Amino acid sequence: MKIIQRLAVFAIILFILGIFFTASYLNSWRVELLSTLKLSRMEDIEKLRLAVANIFWVVGVETALGLFAILMLLLSRRRQVETIYVERVGKIGQQKGSDSQAATEDQTDNTSINNSQKQLMRNLLEVMNLHNNNREFQKLLEQVLRLVCTHLEAGQGGLYLAIQPENEAIQAKLVATYAYYTTETRKNVYEVGEGLIGQVMKDGKLINLKNVPEGYIMIVSGLGNVSAKHLTVVPVINEYGQVLAVFEIASLREFSEADEALLTEVALLLAKEIAEGEYQNILLD
């Protein structure tokens, strides 16, 4: 997908350069034509100039239409991407609530995607559009995690990327954090199937833990410490069913079905940004 986008940008650049080349060529061609034909009568010269002017006018209109079409394509593409992601979030939330025919309208409203969640998805899209190269990949993950945790009023978060060191098995390595509090028992790398992170890497299924034991996860600030009550671990899966990453978020409040739907959609966004092996050299250091 990124190769196609780059080719499209390259084609647009060639089109714009072609406009300037065509304008320059037509201008020099008009002077050369007048000189070659050696017209002496003013009436003939004016007719020729009028014909050339008509050619300039036609080329100018076609160029303007081409630029307008490119602009509309870019705007419609951006709008289409936003609509797809926002609508898919809503569908996920609706599917989770469709098992019960007796659900009330209030319950449906509680599981639907509200305006703030749609705004979050737009913000995530903007952030991802700004970071389109490998050097900024970790910065992108940090910003995505911060936006999600802030929206959910979560106290802590971490994102683990699936990596495979040379001659070793696939691992989940911590590459991005939000308000992360390190303890002696915490690890930065997990094997597949090890702990909750490794288990989600293995199964590819979201885990939402309620009533986390006291002291299991500590949310720390300058004013004091408090134990997180809820934890969700979300897999980032590509279209082939391969787990590319896992992120976990801890909070004092319970994660609702709408929150799970939102986190699932965030995972879909991240999956599109993470290409298999594309960031290995950067994150294995």
Protein backbone atom coordinates (compact mmCIF):
# COMPACT_ATOMS: atom_id res chain seq x y z
CA MET A 1 0.00 0.00 0.00
CA LYS A 2 2.82 2.42 0.86
CA ILE A 3 4.54 1.63 -2.49
CA ILE A 4 1.34 2.51 -4.35
CA GLN A 5 1.05 5.76 -2.40
CA ARG A 6 4.64 6.68 -3.23
CA LEU A 7 4.08 5.92 -6.91
CA ALA A 8 0.96 8.11 -6.84
CA VAL A 9 2.91 10.99 -5.28
CA PHE A 10 5.67 10.53 -7.87
CA ALA A 11 3.11 10.61 -10.69
CA ILE A 12 1.57 13.82 -9.32
CA ILE A 13 5.01 15.44 -9.15
CA LEU A 14 5.70 14.44 -12.76
CA PHE A 15 2.32 15.86 -13.78
CA ILE A 16 3.07 19.23 -12.14
CA LEU A 17 6.56 19.35 -13.67
CA GLY A 18 5.00 18.50 -17.03
CA ILE A 19 2.73 21.53 -16.72
CA PHE A 20 5.69 23.88 -16.38
CA PHE A 21 7.54 22.14 -19.23
CA THR A 22 4.52 22.34 -21.53
CA ALA A 23 3.99 26.04 -20.78
CA SER A 24 7.66 26.79 -21.47
CA TYR A 25 7.66 24.76 -24.67
CA LEU A 26 4.50 26.38 -26.04
CA ASN A 27 5.87 29.83 -25.36
CA SER A 28 9.14 29.12 -27.20
CA TRP A 29 7.23 27.32 -29.96
CA ARG A 30 5.08 30.43 -30.59
CA VAL A 31 8.13 32.64 -31.06
CA GLU A 32 9.83 30.02 -33.26
CA LEU A 33 6.69 29.59 -35.36
CA LEU A 34 6.39 33.31 -36.03
CA SER A 35 10.04 33.40 -37.01
CA THR A 36 9.84 30.33 -39.26
CA LEU A 37 6.72 31.29 -41.17
CA LYS A 38 8.03 34.83 -41.79
CA LEU A 39 4.61 36.34 -42.11
CA SER A 40 4.59 39.89 -43.38
CA ARG A 41 0.93 40.81 -43.29
CA MET A 42 -0.31 41.99 -39.91
CA GLU A 43 -3.62 40.27 -40.53
CA ASP A 44 -1.92 36.87 -40.90
CA ILE A 45 0.22 37.46 -37.81
CA GLU A 46 -2.84 38.31 -35.72
CA LYS A 47 -4.64 35.17 -36.93
CA LEU A 48 -1.65 33.05 -35.98
CA ARG A 49 -1.41 34.68 -32.54
CA LEU A 50 -5.11 34.07 -32.00
CA ALA A 51 -4.73 30.39 -32.91
CA VAL A 52 -1.77 30.00 -30.57
CA ALA A 53 -3.68 31.80 -27.80
CA ASN A 54 -6.55 29.33 -28.21
CA ILE A 55 -4.08 26.45 -27.79
CA PHE A 56 -2.76 28.06 -24.59
CA TRP A 57 -6.32 28.48 -23.34
CA VAL A 58 -7.25 24.82 -23.97
CA VAL A 59 -4.05 23.54 -22.34
CA GLY A 60 -4.59 25.86 -19.37
CA VAL A 61 -8.16 24.67 -18.80
CA GLU A 62 -7.13 21.00 -19.04
CA THR A 63 -4.29 21.60 -16.58
CA ALA A 64 -6.60 23.33 -14.11
CA LEU A 65 -9.09 20.45 -14.37
CA GLY A 66 -6.27 17.96 -13.76
CA LEU A 67 -5.07 19.77 -10.64
CA PHE A 68 -8.65 20.08 -9.38
CA ALA A 69 -9.20 16.34 -9.93
CA ILE A 70 -6.03 15.53 -7.95
CA LEU A 71 -7.13 17.78 -5.09
CA MET A 72 -10.59 16.23 -4.97
CA LEU A 73 -9.07 12.72 -5.07
CA LEU A 74 -6.81 13.47 -2.10
CA LEU A 75 -9.65 15.01 -0.09
CA SER A 76 -12.07 12.18 -0.88
CA ARG A 77 -9.43 9.57 -0.06
CA ARG A 78 -8.80 11.12 3.36
CA ARG A 79 -12.53 11.34 4.05
CA GLN A 80 -13.05 7.75 2.91
CA VAL A 81 -10.33 6.41 5.23
CA GLU A 82 -11.78 8.28 8.21
CA THR A 83 -15.28 7.04 7.41
CA ILE A 84 -14.18 3.43 7.04
CA TYR A 85 -12.42 3.32 10.39
CA VAL A 86 -15.15 5.17 12.28
CA GLU A 87 -17.90 3.04 10.75
CA ARG A 88 -16.03 -0.18 11.51
CA VAL A 89 -15.73 0.83 15.14
CA GLY A 90 -19.48 1.34 15.29
CA LYS A 91 -20.12 -2.04 13.67
CA ILE A 92 -17.90 -3.84 16.17
CA GLY A 93 -19.72 -2.19 19.07
CA GLN A 94 -23.09 -3.11 17.57
CA GLN A 95 -22.09 -6.74 16.98
CA LYS A 96 -21.11 -7.18 20.60
CA GLY A 97 -24.53 -5.96 21.70
CA SER A 98 -26.59 -7.86 19.12
CA ASP A 99 -26.64 -11.16 21.09
CA SER A 100 -29.44 -9.88 23.33
CA GLN A 101 -32.71 -8.99 21.62
CA ALA A 102 -34.04 -7.43 24.84
CA ALA A 103 -31.34 -4.74 25.11
CA THR A 104 -32.80 -1.33 25.90
CA GLU A 105 -32.12 1.90 23.98
CA ASP A 106 -30.01 3.17 26.87
CA GLN A 107 -27.77 0.10 26.68
CA THR A 108 -27.38 0.56 22.93
CA ASP A 109 -26.34 4.17 23.47
CA ASN A 110 -23.78 3.07 26.08
CA THR A 111 -22.08 0.72 23.58
CA SER A 112 -22.19 3.03 20.56
CA ILE A 113 -19.22 5.11 19.46
CA ASN A 114 -19.69 8.70 20.61
CA ASN A 115 -18.32 11.87 19.12
CA SER A 116 -15.23 11.92 21.32
CA GLN A 117 -14.26 8.43 20.15
CA LYS A 118 -14.68 9.46 16.52
CA GLN A 119 -12.48 12.46 17.20
CA LEU A 120 -9.87 10.17 18.74
CA MET A 121 -9.81 8.06 15.58
CA ARG A 122 -9.34 11.19 13.47
CA ASN A 123 -6.49 12.31 15.72
CA LEU A 124 -4.84 8.91 15.40
CA LEU A 125 -5.12 9.08 11.61
CA GLU A 126 -3.50 12.51 11.59
CA VAL A 127 -0.65 11.32 13.81
CA MET A 128 -0.03 8.32 11.58
CA ASN A 129 -0.02 10.47 8.45
CA LEU A 130 2.67 12.68 10.01
CA HIS A 131 4.98 9.77 10.88
CA ASN A 132 5.53 7.88 7.66
CA ASN A 133 9.12 6.72 7.99
CA ASN A 134 10.96 4.17 10.11
CA ARG A 135 13.02 6.69 12.08
CA GLU A 136 9.89 8.10 13.70
CA PHE A 137 8.22 4.75 14.32
CA GLN A 138 8.80 4.62 18.07
CA LYS A 139 7.64 8.22 18.41
CA LEU A 140 4.47 7.26 16.55
CA LEU A 141 3.78 4.39 18.95
CA GLU A 142 4.32 6.65 21.97
CA GLN A 143 1.86 9.22 20.61
CA VAL A 144 -0.77 6.60 19.75
CA LEU A 145 -0.50 5.11 23.23
CA ARG A 146 -0.73 8.54 24.85
CA LEU A 147 -3.84 9.48 22.85
CA VAL A 148 -5.61 6.23 23.69
CA CYS A 149 -4.72 6.28 27.40
CA THR A 150 -5.74 9.93 27.72
CA HIS A 151 -9.08 9.26 26.03
CA LEU A 152 -9.83 6.25 28.25
CA GLU A 153 -8.58 8.05 31.37
CA ALA A 154 -6.15 5.17 31.87
CA GLY A 155 -3.30 5.44 34.32
CA GLN A 156 -0.71 3.32 32.55
CA GLY A 157 0.02 1.68 29.22
CA GLY A 158 2.65 -0.28 27.33
CA LEU A 159 3.08 -1.53 23.77
CA TYR A 160 5.07 -4.64 22.86
CA LEU A 161 6.20 -5.28 19.29
CA ALA A 162 6.70 -8.77 17.89
CA ILE A 163 10.36 -9.13 16.97
CA GLN A 164 12.53 -12.07 15.98
CA PRO A 165 16.24 -11.80 16.79
CA GLU A 166 18.56 -13.78 14.56
CA ASN A 167 18.40 -17.53 15.24
CA GLU A 168 15.85 -17.00 18.04
CA ALA A 169 12.10 -17.43 18.52
CA ILE A 170 9.61 -14.59 18.16
CA GLN A 171 9.42 -12.33 21.22
CA ALA A 172 7.29 -9.43 22.43
CA LYS A 173 9.52 -6.44 23.22
CA LEU A 174 8.39 -3.32 25.08
CA VAL A 175 8.89 -0.39 22.67
CA ALA A 176 6.45 2.30 23.87
CA THR A 177 5.06 3.29 27.28
CA TYR A 178 2.66 5.71 28.94
CA ALA A 179 3.16 6.63 32.64
CA TYR A 180 5.00 3.32 32.98
CA TYR A 181 6.18 2.33 36.47
CA THR A 182 9.03 -0.18 36.43
CA THR A 183 9.40 -2.80 39.17
CA GLU A 184 11.83 -5.65 39.68
CA THR A 185 9.21 -8.18 38.60
CA ARG A 186 8.41 -6.46 35.34
CA LYS A 187 10.04 -7.60 32.12
CA ASN A 188 10.64 -5.77 28.86
CA VAL A 189 10.69 -8.93 26.72
CA TYR A 190 8.26 -11.88 26.78
CA GLU A 191 8.34 -15.19 24.98
CA VAL A 192 5.23 -16.36 23.14
CA GLY A 193 2.90 -17.85 25.75
CA GLU A 194 4.72 -16.23 28.68
CA GLY A 195 2.50 -14.15 30.95
CA LEU A 196 -0.53 -12.24 29.69
CA ILE A 197 1.49 -10.47 26.99
CA GLY A 198 2.88 -13.74 25.65
CA GLN A 199 -0.52 -15.45 25.88
CA VAL A 200 -2.21 -12.74 23.82
CA MET A 201 0.68 -13.02 21.33
CA LYS A 202 -0.08 -16.74 21.13
CA ASP A 203 -3.90 -16.67 21.00
CA GLY A 204 -4.49 -13.34 19.28
CA LYS A 205 -7.47 -12.62 21.53
CA LEU A 206 -8.22 -9.60 23.69
CA ILE A 207 -8.12 -10.09 27.46
CA ASN A 208 -10.12 -7.80 29.76
CA LEU A 209 -9.37 -8.37 33.44
CA LYS A 210 -11.69 -6.97 36.09
CA ASN A 211 -10.91 -6.60 39.78
CA VAL A 212 -7.13 -6.85 39.39
CA PRO A 213 -5.53 -7.84 42.75
CA GLU A 214 -4.37 -4.99 44.98
CA GLY A 215 -0.79 -3.99 44.27
CA TYR A 216 -0.54 -5.94 40.99
CA ILE A 217 -0.28 -2.73 38.93
CA MET A 218 0.64 0.56 40.57
CA ILE A 219 -0.31 3.93 39.06
CA VAL A 220 2.24 6.39 40.36
CA SER A 221 2.19 10.20 40.54
CA GLY A 222 4.04 12.84 42.53
CA LEU A 223 1.18 12.98 45.01
CA GLY A 224 0.97 9.27 45.71
CA ASN A 225 0.34 5.75 44.44
CA VAL A 226 -2.85 3.84 43.71
CA SER A 227 -3.48 0.29 42.55
CA ALA A 228 -5.12 -0.17 39.15
CA LYS A 229 -8.36 -2.16 39.27
CA HIS A 230 -8.75 -3.10 35.61
CA LEU A 231 -6.43 -4.28 32.84
CA THR A 232 -6.99 -4.96 29.16
CA VAL A 233 -4.48 -6.58 26.80
CA VAL A 234 -5.13 -6.11 23.08
CA PRO A 235 -3.50 -7.92 20.12
CA VAL A 236 -2.52 -6.08 16.93
CA ILE A 237 -3.33 -8.50 14.11
CA ASN A 238 -2.77 -8.12 10.37
CA GLU A 239 -5.07 -9.34 7.63
CA TYR A 240 -3.36 -12.75 7.61
CA GLY A 241 -4.10 -13.38 11.29
CA GLN A 242 -0.52 -12.76 12.39
CA VAL A 243 -0.01 -10.95 15.72
CA LEU A 244 2.33 -8.02 15.05
CA ALA A 245 2.15 -6.38 18.48
CA VAL A 246 0.34 -6.33 21.82
CA PHE A 247 -0.58 -3.35 23.96
CA GLU A 248 -1.88 -3.30 27.53
CA ILE A 249 -3.72 -0.53 29.37
CA ALA A 250 -4.40 -0.31 33.10
CA SER A 251 -7.14 1.83 34.60
CA LEU A 252 -9.02 2.58 37.79
CA ARG A 253 -12.34 2.21 36.00
CA GLU A 254 -13.83 -0.75 34.18
CA PHE A 255 -13.44 -1.02 30.41
CA SER A 256 -16.83 -1.08 28.69
CA GLU A 257 -17.79 -2.92 25.50
CA ALA A 258 -17.47 0.36 23.62
CA ASP A 259 -13.93 0.72 25.01
CA GLU A 260 -13.08 -2.78 23.80
CA ALA A 261 -14.47 -1.95 20.36
CA LEU A 262 -12.42 1.23 20.25
CA LEU A 263 -9.23 -0.57 21.30
CA THR A 264 -9.86 -3.21 18.65
CA GLU A 265 -10.13 -0.49 16.03
CA VAL A 266 -6.95 1.16 17.27
CA ALA A 267 -5.26 -2.22 16.84
CA LEU A 268 -6.48 -2.34 13.23
CA LEU A 269 -4.97 1.07 12.60
CA LEU A 270 -1.64 -0.01 14.10
CA ALA A 271 -1.62 -3.23 12.09
CA LYS A 272 -1.71 -1.20 8.89
CA GLU A 273 1.34 0.77 10.03
CA ILE A 274 3.42 -2.20 11.07
CA ALA A 275 4.82 -4.20 8.17
CA GLU A 276 6.41 -7.56 8.90
CA GLY A 277 10.16 -7.11 9.42
CA GLU A 278 10.13 -3.43 8.36
CA TYR A 279 11.20 -2.09 11.75
CA GLN A 280 13.30 -5.00 12.98
CA ASN A 281 16.70 -3.35 12.59
CA ILE A 282 15.63 -0.33 14.62
CA LEU A 283 13.97 -2.14 17.52
CA LEU A 284 16.45 -4.98 17.99
CA ASP A 285 19.08 -2.60 19.35
